[in-house]
Amino acid sequence: MPCRDYTEEDVLRGQVLDTERRVEHLKEQCNKLTGMLCHVVGNVIDGKFDNALTSEVNAWYAEHRAADIRNLQSMFSNVDLNDLSKEEFDTIDKILDKYTQ
C-alpha cells in the first residue's frame, strides 16, 4: 500500500512525464533517420553510389522491410481467402510472394 493517496494531479503529472519521454525518444529517432538520409542523398548527389548505403542504413532498411512484411501478413491473415475473387486472391498472392522472398 502506498503511504499516501495519489490525486488526479499526481496521475496527470505521471502521464505528462511519460509523454515527454516518448516525445524525446521520437526526436532522437527522427534525428538519427535525418542523419542517415542526409548521408545517402549527399553520396547519391555526388555520384558516390558505393558509399551511399552504410551498414547502419542497410540494417535500418532490413528491419523496416521485415516490419512491413509482418504488417502485410497480419493484414491479410484476417482475410477469408475463400471469399475473394480469383483476381483479388492473385493480387494478394503476388504481393505476399514479392515481399516474403
PDB file of N, CA and C in Angstrom:
ATOM      1  N   MET A   1       0.835  -1.185   0.000  1.00  0.00           N
ATOM      2  CA  MET A   1       0.000   0.000   0.000  1.00  0.00           C
ATOM      3  C   MET A   1       0.878   1.247   0.000  1.00  0.00           C
ATOM      4  N   PRO A   2       0.481   2.236  -0.775  1.00  0.00           N
ATOM      5  CA  PRO A   2       1.245   3.487  -0.747  1.00  0.00           C
ATOM      6  C   PRO A   2       1.050   4.193   0.582  1.00  0.00           C
ATOM      7  N   CYS A   3       2.034   4.980   0.919  1.00  0.00           N
ATOM      8  CA  CYS A   3       1.976   5.748   2.164  1.00  0.00           C
ATOM      9  C   CYS A   3       1.008   6.916   2.064  1.00  0.00           C
ATOM     10  N   ARG A   4       0.575   7.202   0.883  1.00  0.00           N
ATOM     11  CA  ARG A   4      -0.367   8.312   0.699  1.00  0.00           C
ATOM     12  C   ARG A   4      -1.291   8.002  -0.462  1.00  0.00           C
ATOM     13  N   ASP A   5      -2.367   8.708  -0.538  1.00  0.00           N
ATOM     14  CA  ASP A   5      -3.295   8.564  -1.654  1.00  0.00           C
ATOM     15  C   ASP A   5      -2.801   9.435  -2.800  1.00  0.00           C
ATOM     16  N   TYR A   6      -2.901   8.907  -4.002  1.00  0.00           N
ATOM     17  CA  TYR A   6      -2.490   9.660  -5.173  1.00  0.00           C
ATOM     18  C   TYR A   6      -3.682  10.427  -5.709  1.00  0.00           C
ATOM     19  N   THR A   7      -3.442  11.682  -6.012  1.00  0.00           N
ATOM     20  CA  THR A   7      -4.512  12.540  -6.526  1.00  0.00           C
ATOM     21  C   THR A   7      -4.538  12.460  -8.036  1.00  0.00           C
ATOM     22  N   GLU A   8      -5.569  13.001  -8.604  1.00  0.00           N
ATOM     23  CA  GLU A   8      -5.678  13.066 -10.063  1.00  0.00           C
ATOM     24  C   GLU A   8      -4.508  13.866 -10.638  1.00  0.00           C
ATOM     25  N   GLU A   9      -4.074  14.876  -9.904  1.00  0.00           N
ATOM     26  CA  GLU A   9      -2.934  15.689 -10.339  1.00  0.00           C
ATOM     27  C   GLU A   9      -1.659  14.849 -10.409  1.00  0.00           C
ATOM     28  N   ASP A  10      -1.469  13.943  -9.443  1.00  0.00           N
ATOM     29  CA  ASP A  10      -0.305  13.053  -9.458  1.00  0.00           C
ATOM     30  C   ASP A  10      -0.334  12.149 -10.690  1.00  0.00           C
ATOM     31  N   VAL A  11      -1.500  11.625 -10.990  1.00  0.00           N
ATOM     32  CA  VAL A  11      -1.651  10.742 -12.154  1.00  0.00           C
ATOM     33  C   VAL A  11      -1.357  11.516 -13.434  1.00  0.00           C
ATOM     34  N   LEU A  12      -1.911  12.719 -13.542  1.00  0.00           N
ATOM     35  CA  LEU A  12      -1.682  13.538 -14.741  1.00  0.00           C
ATOM     36  C   LEU A  12      -0.208  13.907 -14.889  1.00  0.00           C
ATOM     37  N   ARG A  13       0.462  14.209 -13.773  1.00  0.00           N
ATOM     38  CA  ARG A  13       1.889  14.531 -13.813  1.00  0.00           C
ATOM     39  C   ARG A  13       2.686  13.340 -14.356  1.00  0.00           C
ATOM     40  N   GLY A  14       2.317  12.132 -13.925  1.00  0.00           N
ATOM     41  CA  GLY A  14       2.973  10.929 -14.433  1.00  0.00           C
ATOM     42  C   GLY A  14       2.742  10.744 -15.920  1.00  0.00           C
ATOM     43  N   GLN A  15       1.526  11.042 -16.368  1.00  0.00           N
ATOM     44  CA  GLN A  15       1.220  10.910 -17.798  1.00  0.00           C
ATOM     45  C   GLN A  15       2.008  11.921 -18.621  1.00  0.00           C
ATOM     46  N   VAL A  16       2.157  13.123 -18.100  1.00  0.00           N
ATOM     47  CA  VAL A  16       2.925  14.158 -18.800  1.00  0.00           C
ATOM     48  C   VAL A  16       4.386  13.734 -18.909  1.00  0.00           C
ATOM     49  N   LEU A  17       4.947  13.220 -17.828  1.00  0.00           N
ATOM     50  CA  LEU A  17       6.346  12.770 -17.866  1.00  0.00           C
ATOM     51  C   LEU A  17       6.527  11.640 -18.867  1.00  0.00           C
ATOM     52  N   ASP A  18       5.586  10.704 -18.907  1.00  0.00           N
ATOM     53  CA  ASP A  18       5.655   9.599 -19.862  1.00  0.00           C
ATOM     54  C   ASP A  18       5.585  10.129 -21.290  1.00  0.00           C
ATOM     55  N   THR A  19       4.688  11.076 -21.529  1.00  0.00           N
ATOM     56  CA  THR A  19       4.558  11.665 -22.866  1.00  0.00           C
ATOM     57  C   THR A  19       5.831  12.410 -23.252  1.00  0.00           C
ATOM     58  N   GLU A  20       6.409  13.134 -22.315  1.00  0.00           N
ATOM     59  CA  GLU A  20       7.652  13.860 -22.603  1.00  0.00           C
ATOM     60  C   GLU A  20       8.783  12.902 -22.957  1.00  0.00           C
ATOM     61  N   ARG A  21       8.860  11.763 -22.276  1.00  0.00           N
ATOM     62  CA  ARG A  21       9.887  10.754 -22.597  1.00  0.00           C
ATOM     63  C   ARG A  21       9.660  10.184 -23.995  1.00  0.00           C
ATOM     64  N   ARG A  22       8.403   9.930 -24.322  1.00  0.00           N
ATOM     65  CA  ARG A  22       8.087   9.407 -25.666  1.00  0.00           C
ATOM     66  C   ARG A  22       8.459  10.410 -26.749  1.00  0.00           C
ATOM     67  N   VAL A  23       8.131  11.672 -26.513  1.00  0.00           N
ATOM     68  CA  VAL A  23       8.462  12.724 -27.483  1.00  0.00           C
ATOM     69  C   VAL A  23       9.975  12.815 -27.665  1.00  0.00           C
ATOM     70  N   GLU A  24      10.716  12.752 -26.579  1.00  0.00           N
ATOM     71  CA  GLU A  24      12.181  12.818 -26.657  1.00  0.00           C
ATOM     72  C   GLU A  24      12.735  11.641 -27.461  1.00  0.00           C
ATOM     73  N   HIS A  25      12.181  10.449 -27.235  1.00  0.00           N
ATOM     74  CA  HIS A  25      12.605   9.267 -27.979  1.00  0.00           C
ATOM     75  C   HIS A  25      12.319   9.439 -29.473  1.00  0.00           C
ATOM     76  N   LEU A  26      11.137   9.963 -29.804  1.00  0.00           N
ATOM     77  CA  LEU A  26      10.797  10.183 -31.211  1.00  0.00           C
ATOM     78  C   LEU A  26      11.713  11.229 -31.851  1.00  0.00           C
ATOM     79  N   LYS A  27      12.071  12.261 -31.099  1.00  0.00           N
ATOM     80  CA  LYS A  27      13.003  13.269 -31.621  1.00  0.00           C
ATOM     81  C   LYS A  27      14.358  12.628 -31.926  1.00  0.00           C
ATOM     82  N   GLU A  28      14.821  11.768 -31.018  1.00  0.00           N
ATOM     83  CA  GLU A  28      16.099  11.085 -31.233  1.00  0.00           C
ATOM     84  C   GLU A  28      16.036  10.207 -32.476  1.00  0.00           C
ATOM     85  N   GLN A  29      14.942   9.480 -32.648  1.00  0.00           N
ATOM     86  CA  GLN A  29      14.792   8.637 -33.832  1.00  0.00           C
ATOM     87  C   GLN A  29      14.759   9.489 -35.098  1.00  0.00           C
ATOM     88  N   CYS A  30      14.049  10.594 -35.041  1.00  0.00           N
ATOM     89  CA  CYS A  30      13.957  11.483 -36.200  1.00  0.00           C
ATOM     90  C   CYS A  30      15.324  12.040 -36.564  1.00  0.00           C
ATOM     91  N   ASN A  31      16.082  12.460 -35.568  1.00  0.00           N
ATOM     92  CA  ASN A  31      17.427  12.989 -35.827  1.00  0.00           C
ATOM     93  C   ASN A  31      18.339  11.922 -36.433  1.00  0.00           C
ATOM     94  N   LYS A  32      18.241  10.693 -35.928  1.00  0.00           N
ATOM     95  CA  LYS A  32      19.059   9.601 -36.456  1.00  0.00           C
ATOM     96  C   LYS A  32      18.697   9.323 -37.921  1.00  0.00           C
ATOM     97  N   LEU A  33      17.397   9.242 -38.209  1.00  0.00           N
ATOM     98  CA  LEU A  33      16.966   8.979 -39.584  1.00  0.00           C
ATOM     99  C   LEU A  33      17.327  10.133 -40.513  1.00  0.00           C
ATOM    100  N   THR A  34      17.234  11.358 -40.016  1.00  0.00           N
ATOM    101  CA  THR A  34      17.611  12.515 -40.829  1.00  0.00           C
ATOM    102  C   THR A  34      19.089  12.459 -41.181  1.00  0.00           C
ATOM    103  N   GLY A  35      19.913  12.099 -40.221  1.00  0.00           N
ATOM    104  CA  GLY A  35      21.345  11.967 -40.494  1.00  0.00           C
ATOM    105  C   GLY A  35      21.634  10.888 -41.531  1.00  0.00           C
ATOM    106  N   MET A  36      20.935   9.752 -41.403  1.00  0.00           N
ATOM    107  CA  MET A  36      21.132   8.662 -42.372  1.00  0.00           C
ATOM    108  C   MET A  36      20.682   9.109 -43.760  1.00  0.00           C
ATOM    109  N   LEU A  37      19.553   9.802 -43.836  1.00  0.00           N
ATOM    110  CA  LEU A  37      19.039  10.267 -45.122  1.00  0.00           C
ATOM    111  C   LEU A  37      19.991  11.277 -45.753  1.00  0.00           C
ATOM    112  N   CYS A  38      20.499  12.193 -44.959  1.00  0.00           N
ATOM    113  CA  CYS A  38      21.451  13.179 -45.491  1.00  0.00           C
ATOM    114  C   CYS A  38      22.696  12.497 -46.053  1.00  0.00           C
ATOM    115  N   HIS A  39      23.189  11.485 -45.350  1.00  0.00           N
ATOM    116  CA  HIS A  39      24.356  10.753 -45.830  1.00  0.00           C
ATOM    117  C   HIS A  39      24.072  10.098 -47.183  1.00  0.00           C
ATOM    118  N   VAL A  40      22.934   9.407 -47.271  1.00  0.00           N
ATOM    119  CA  VAL A  40      22.590   8.707 -48.513  1.00  0.00           C
ATOM    120  C   VAL A  40      22.405   9.690 -49.652  1.00  0.00           C
ATOM    121  N   VAL A  41      21.599  10.714 -49.437  1.00  0.00           N
ATOM    122  CA  VAL A  41      21.317  11.684 -50.503  1.00  0.00           C
ATOM    123  C   VAL A  41      22.586  12.414 -50.918  1.00  0.00           C
ATOM    124  N   GLY A  42      23.397  12.816 -49.966  1.00  0.00           N
ATOM    125  CA  GLY A  42      24.644  13.503 -50.303  1.00  0.00           C
ATOM    126  C   GLY A  42      25.547  12.662 -51.175  1.00  0.00           C
ATOM    127  N   ASN A  43      25.668  11.382 -50.852  1.00  0.00           N
ATOM    128  CA  ASN A  43      26.506  10.498 -51.664  1.00  0.00           C
ATOM    129  C   ASN A  43      25.900  10.253 -53.040  1.00  0.00           C
ATOM    130  N   VAL A  44      24.585  10.098 -53.108  1.00  0.00           N
ATOM    131  CA  VAL A  44      23.937   9.875 -54.408  1.00  0.00           C
ATOM    132  C   VAL A  44      24.096  11.107 -55.293  1.00  0.00           C
ATOM    133  N   ILE A  45      23.882  12.290 -54.720  1.00  0.00           N
ATOM    134  CA  ILE A  45      24.040  13.526 -55.490  1.00  0.00           C
ATOM    135  C   ILE A  45      25.462  13.647 -56.021  1.00  0.00           C
ATOM    136  N   ASP A  46      26.436  13.249 -55.216  1.00  0.00           N
ATOM    137  CA  ASP A  46      27.841  13.311 -55.633  1.00  0.00           C
ATOM    138  C   ASP A  46      28.229  12.156 -56.547  1.00  0.00           C
ATOM    139  N   GLY A  47      27.291  11.268 -56.823  1.00  0.00           N
ATOM    140  CA  GLY A  47      27.574  10.125 -57.690  1.00  0.00           C
ATOM    141  C   GLY A  47      28.372   9.033 -57.012  1.00  0.00           C
ATOM    142  N   LYS A  48      28.438   9.062 -55.707  1.00  0.00           N
ATOM    143  CA  LYS A  48      29.193   8.064 -54.949  1.00  0.00           C
ATOM    144  C   LYS A  48      28.244   6.971 -54.452  1.00  0.00           C
ATOM    145  N   PHE A  49      27.738   6.202 -55.390  1.00  0.00           N
ATOM    146  CA  PHE A  49      26.727   5.196 -55.046  1.00  0.00           C
ATOM    147  C   PHE A  49      27.282   4.094 -54.143  1.00  0.00           C
ATOM    148  N   ASP A  50      28.549   3.769 -54.294  1.00  0.00           N
ATOM    149  CA  ASP A  50      29.139   2.721 -53.467  1.00  0.00           C
ATOM    150  C   ASP A  50      29.201   3.118 -51.991  1.00  0.00           C
ATOM    151  N   ASN A  51      29.273   4.424 -51.729  1.00  0.00           N
ATOM    152  CA  ASN A  51      29.367   4.910 -50.349  1.00  0.00           C
ATOM    153  C   ASN A  51      28.010   5.286 -49.759  1.00  0.00           C
ATOM    154  N   ALA A  52      26.957   5.221 -50.564  1.00  0.00           N
ATOM    155  CA  ALA A  52      25.659   5.732 -50.117  1.00  0.00           C
ATOM    156  C   ALA A  52      25.049   4.904 -48.999  1.00  0.00           C
ATOM    157  N   LEU A  53      25.165   3.584 -49.085  1.00  0.00           N
ATOM    158  CA  LEU A  53      24.498   2.732 -48.111  1.00  0.00           C
ATOM    159  C   LEU A  53      25.484   2.218 -47.072  1.00  0.00           C
ATOM    160  N   THR A  54      25.408   2.798 -45.905  1.00  0.00           N
ATOM    161  CA  THR A  54      26.255   2.354 -44.798  1.00  0.00           C
ATOM    162  C   THR A  54      25.640   1.108 -44.168  1.00  0.00           C
ATOM    163  N   SER A  55      26.381   0.464 -43.312  1.00  0.00           N
ATOM    164  CA  SER A  55      25.835  -0.709 -42.611  1.00  0.00           C
ATOM    165  C   SER A  55      24.644  -0.297 -41.750  1.00  0.00           C
ATOM    166  N   GLU A  56      24.686   0.917 -41.224  1.00  0.00           N
ATOM    167  CA  GLU A  56      23.558   1.409 -40.418  1.00  0.00           C
ATOM    168  C   GLU A  56      22.295   1.567 -41.268  1.00  0.00           C
ATOM    169  N   VAL A  57      22.450   2.103 -42.468  1.00  0.00           N
ATOM    170  CA  VAL A  57      21.307   2.261 -43.374  1.00  0.00           C
ATOM    171  C   VAL A  57      20.789   0.889 -43.797  1.00  0.00           C
ATOM    172  N   ASN A  58      21.691  -0.017 -44.127  1.00  0.00           N
ATOM    173  CA  ASN A  58      21.270  -1.369 -44.519  1.00  0.00           C
ATOM    174  C   ASN A  58      20.528  -2.073 -43.391  1.00  0.00           C
ATOM    175  N   ALA A  59      21.005  -1.924 -42.154  1.00  0.00           N
ATOM    176  CA  ALA A  59      20.342  -2.551 -41.006  1.00  0.00           C
ATOM    177  C   ALA A  59      18.969  -1.941 -40.788  1.00  0.00           C
ATOM    178  N   TRP A  60      18.878  -0.610 -40.909  1.00  0.00           N
ATOM    179  CA  TRP A  60      17.576   0.046 -40.750  1.00  0.00           C
ATOM    180  C   TRP A  60      16.607  -0.459 -41.807  1.00  0.00           C
ATOM    181  N   TYR A  61      17.072  -0.524 -43.065  1.00  0.00           N
ATOM    182  CA  TYR A  61      16.192  -0.947 -44.151  1.00  0.00           C
ATOM    183  C   TYR A  61      15.727  -2.394 -43.949  1.00  0.00           C
ATOM    184  N   ALA A  62      16.612  -3.265 -43.546  1.00  0.00           N
ATOM    185  CA  ALA A  62      16.240  -4.666 -43.324  1.00  0.00           C
ATOM    186  C   ALA A  62      15.179  -4.765 -42.231  1.00  0.00           C
ATOM    187  N   GLU A  63      15.361  -4.012 -41.159  1.00  0.00           N
ATOM    188  CA  GLU A  63      14.389  -4.014 -40.062  1.00  0.00           C
ATOM    189  C   GLU A  63      13.049  -3.427 -40.512  1.00  0.00           C
ATOM    190  N   HIS A  64      13.116  -2.340 -41.269  1.00  0.00           N
ATOM    191  CA  HIS A  64      11.908  -1.679 -41.786  1.00  0.00           C
ATOM    192  C   HIS A  64      11.147  -2.600 -42.735  1.00  0.00           C
ATOM    193  N   ARG A  65      11.863  -3.255 -43.616  1.00  0.00           N
ATOM    194  CA  ARG A  65      11.243  -4.173 -44.582  1.00  0.00           C
ATOM    195  C   ARG A  65      10.608  -5.366 -43.864  1.00  0.00           C
ATOM    196  N   ALA A  66      11.286  -5.908 -42.861  1.00  0.00           N
ATOM    197  CA  ALA A  66      10.730  -7.026 -42.095  1.00  0.00           C
ATOM    198  C   ALA A  66       9.443  -6.605 -41.390  1.00  0.00           C
ATOM    199  N   ALA A  67       9.418  -5.380 -40.852  1.00  0.00           N
ATOM    200  CA  ALA A  67       8.206  -4.876 -40.196  1.00  0.00           C
ATOM    201  C   ALA A  67       7.082  -4.714 -41.210  1.00  0.00           C
ATOM    202  N   ASP A  68       7.393  -4.218 -42.403  1.00  0.00           N
ATOM    203  CA  ASP A  68       6.380  -4.089 -43.457  1.00  0.00           C
ATOM    204  C   ASP A  68       5.801  -5.452 -43.822  1.00  0.00           C
ATOM    205  N   ILE A  69       6.667  -6.443 -43.947  1.00  0.00           N
ATOM    206  CA  ILE A  69       6.217  -7.793 -44.294  1.00  0.00           C
ATOM    207  C   ILE A  69       5.301  -8.339 -43.203  1.00  0.00           C
ATOM    208  N   ARG A  70       5.707  -8.169 -41.949  1.00  0.00           N
ATOM    209  CA  ARG A  70       4.870  -8.631 -40.834  1.00  0.00           C
ATOM    210  C   ARG A  70       3.503  -7.942 -40.855  1.00  0.00           C
ATOM    211  N   ASN A  71       3.506  -6.630 -41.134  1.00  0.00           N
ATOM    212  CA  ASN A  71       2.240  -5.886 -41.193  1.00  0.00           C
ATOM    213  C   ASN A  71       1.361  -6.381 -42.331  1.00  0.00           C
ATOM    214  N   LEU A  72       1.956  -6.614 -43.489  1.00  0.00           N
ATOM    215  CA  LEU A  72       1.186  -7.153 -44.621  1.00  0.00           C
ATOM    216  C   LEU A  72       0.599  -8.512 -44.283  1.00  0.00           C
ATOM    217  N   GLN A  73       1.421  -9.386 -43.734  1.00  0.00           N
ATOM    218  CA  GLN A  73       0.943 -10.722 -43.388  1.00  0.00           C
ATOM    219  C   GLN A  73      -0.163 -10.642 -42.342  1.00  0.00           C
ATOM    220  N   SER A  74      -0.025  -9.745 -41.405  1.00  0.00           N
ATOM    221  CA  SER A  74      -1.043  -9.574 -40.374  1.00  0.00           C
ATOM    222  C   SER A  74      -2.352  -9.081 -40.982  1.00  0.00           C
ATOM    223  N   MET A  75      -2.258  -8.108 -41.883  1.00  0.00           N
ATOM    224  CA  MET A  75      -3.467  -7.589 -42.523  1.00  0.00           C
ATOM    225  C   MET A  75      -4.186  -8.676 -43.308  1.00  0.00           C
ATOM    226  N   PHE A  76      -3.421  -9.440 -44.055  1.00  0.00           N
ATOM    227  CA  PHE A  76      -4.042 -10.454 -44.901  1.00  0.00           C
ATOM    228  C   PHE A  76      -4.437 -11.702 -44.122  1.00  0.00           C
ATOM    229  N   SER A  77      -3.921 -11.876 -42.921  1.00  0.00           N
ATOM    230  CA  SER A  77      -4.282 -13.061 -42.138  1.00  0.00           C
ATOM    231  C   SER A  77      -5.737 -13.003 -41.689  1.00  0.00           C
ATOM    232  N   ASN A  78      -6.308 -11.804 -41.661  1.00  0.00           N
ATOM    233  CA  ASN A  78      -7.704 -11.635 -41.265  1.00  0.00           C
ATOM    234  C   ASN A  78      -8.668 -11.762 -42.439  1.00  0.00           C
ATOM    235  N   VAL A  79      -8.144 -11.988 -43.612  1.00  0.00           N
ATOM    236  CA  VAL A  79      -8.971 -12.082 -44.814  1.00  0.00           C
ATOM    237  C   VAL A  79      -9.355 -13.544 -45.044  1.00  0.00           C
ATOM    238  N   ASP A  80     -10.632 -13.778 -45.236  1.00  0.00           N
ATOM    239  CA  ASP A  80     -11.083 -15.130 -45.601  1.00  0.00           C
ATOM    240  C   ASP A  80     -10.827 -15.300 -47.090  1.00  0.00           C
ATOM    241  N   LEU A  81      -9.788 -16.023 -47.413  1.00  0.00           N
ATOM    242  CA  LEU A  81      -9.374 -16.163 -48.816  1.00  0.00           C
ATOM    243  C   LEU A  81     -10.443 -16.820 -49.672  1.00  0.00           C
ATOM    244  N   ASN A  82     -11.321 -17.590 -49.066  1.00  0.00           N
ATOM    245  CA  ASN A  82     -12.399 -18.233 -49.826  1.00  0.00           C
ATOM    246  C   ASN A  82     -13.429 -17.232 -50.335  1.00  0.00           C
ATOM    247  N   ASP A  83     -13.494 -16.056 -49.702  1.00  0.00           N
ATOM    248  CA  ASP A  83     -14.465 -15.037 -50.113  1.00  0.00           C
ATOM    249  C   ASP A  83     -13.929 -14.112 -51.200  1.00  0.00           C
ATOM    250  N   LEU A  84     -12.672 -14.270 -51.565  1.00  0.00           N
ATOM    251  CA  LEU A  84     -12.068 -13.399 -52.566  1.00  0.00           C
ATOM    252  C   LEU A  84     -12.325 -13.908 -53.975  1.00  0.00           C
ATOM    253  N   SER A  85     -12.410 -12.948 -54.894  1.00  0.00           N
ATOM    254  CA  SER A  85     -12.458 -13.341 -56.303  1.00  0.00           C
ATOM    255  C   SER A  85     -11.070 -13.840 -56.682  1.00  0.00           C
ATOM    256  N   LYS A  86     -10.984 -14.521 -57.810  1.00  0.00           N
ATOM    257  CA  LYS A  86      -9.685 -15.016 -58.265  1.00  0.00           C
ATOM    258  C   LYS A  86      -8.714 -13.850 -58.452  1.00  0.00           C
ATOM    259  N   GLU A  87      -9.210 -12.764 -58.992  1.00  0.00           N
ATOM    260  CA  GLU A  87      -8.367 -11.589 -59.230  1.00  0.00           C
ATOM    261  C   GLU A  87      -7.830 -11.026 -57.909  1.00  0.00           C
ATOM    262  N   GLU A  88      -8.674 -10.901 -56.890  1.00  0.00           N
ATOM    263  CA  GLU A  88      -8.240 -10.400 -55.592  1.00  0.00           C
ATOM    264  C   GLU A  88      -7.223 -11.353 -54.956  1.00  0.00           C
ATOM    265  N   PHE A  89      -7.531 -12.644 -55.041  1.00  0.00           N
ATOM    266  CA  PHE A  89      -6.621 -13.644 -54.473  1.00  0.00           C
ATOM    267  C   PHE A  89      -5.256 -13.566 -55.140  1.00  0.00           C
ATOM    268  N   ASP A  90      -5.251 -13.492 -56.474  1.00  0.00           N
ATOM    269  CA  ASP A  90      -3.989 -13.428 -57.212  1.00  0.00           C
ATOM    270  C   ASP A  90      -3.188 -12.174 -56.852  1.00  0.00           C
ATOM    271  N   THR A  91      -3.879 -11.053 -56.624  1.00  0.00           N
ATOM    272  CA  THR A  91      -3.211  -9.809 -56.248  1.00  0.00           C
ATOM    273  C   THR A  91      -2.535  -9.956 -54.890  1.00  0.00           C
ATOM    274  N   ILE A  92      -3.253 -10.488 -53.920  1.00  0.00           N
ATOM    275  CA  ILE A  92      -2.678 -10.699 -52.586  1.00  0.00           C
ATOM    276  C   ILE A  92      -1.520 -11.682 -52.665  1.00  0.00           C
ATOM    277  N   ASP A  93      -1.696 -12.734 -53.428  1.00  0.00           N
ATOM    278  CA  ASP A  93      -0.646 -13.742 -53.578  1.00  0.00           C
ATOM    279  C   ASP A  93       0.623 -13.124 -54.161  1.00  0.00           C
ATOM    280  N   LYS A  94       0.476 -12.277 -55.168  1.00  0.00           N
ATOM    281  CA  LYS A  94       1.636 -11.622 -55.781  1.00  0.00           C
ATOM    282  C   LYS A  94       2.339 -10.692 -54.794  1.00  0.00           C
ATOM    283  N   ILE A  95       1.546  -9.944 -54.026  1.00  0.00           N
ATOM    284  CA  ILE A  95       2.137  -9.017 -53.059  1.00  0.00           C
ATOM    285  C   ILE A  95       2.927  -9.784 -52.011  1.00  0.00           C
ATOM    286  N   LEU A  96       2.300 -10.799 -51.422  1.00  0.00           N
ATOM    287  CA  LEU A  96       2.992 -11.577 -50.397  1.00  0.00           C
ATOM    288  C   LEU A  96       4.202 -12.304 -50.958  1.00  0.00           C
ATOM    289  N   ASP A  97       4.071 -12.835 -52.159  1.00  0.00           N
ATOM    290  CA  ASP A  97       5.188 -13.544 -52.772  1.00  0.00           C
ATOM    291  C   ASP A  97       6.367 -12.604 -53.012  1.00  0.00           C
ATOM    292  N   LYS A  98       6.072 -11.405 -53.474  1.00  0.00           N
ATOM    293  CA  LYS A  98       7.123 -10.429 -53.774  1.00  0.00           C
ATOM    294  C   LYS A  98       7.896 -10.041 -52.515  1.00  0.00           C
ATOM    295  N   TYR A  99       7.209  -9.862 -51.396  1.00  0.00           N
ATOM    296  CA  TYR A  99       7.846  -9.322 -50.209  1.00  0.00           C
ATOM    297  C   TYR A  99       8.279 -10.340 -49.183  1.00  0.00           C
ATOM    298  N   THR A 100       7.989 -11.601 -49.402  1.00  0.00           N
ATOM    299  CA  THR A 100       8.390 -12.613 -48.415  1.00  0.00           C
ATOM    300  C   THR A 100       9.519 -13.498 -48.930  1.00  0.00           C
ATOM    301  N   GLN A 101      10.070 -13.167 -50.063  1.00  0.00           N
ATOM    302  CA  GLN A 101      11.175 -13.983 -50.592  1.00  0.00           C
ATOM    303  C   GLN A 101      12.498 -13.471 -50.109  1.00  0.00           C
TER     304      GLN A 101
END
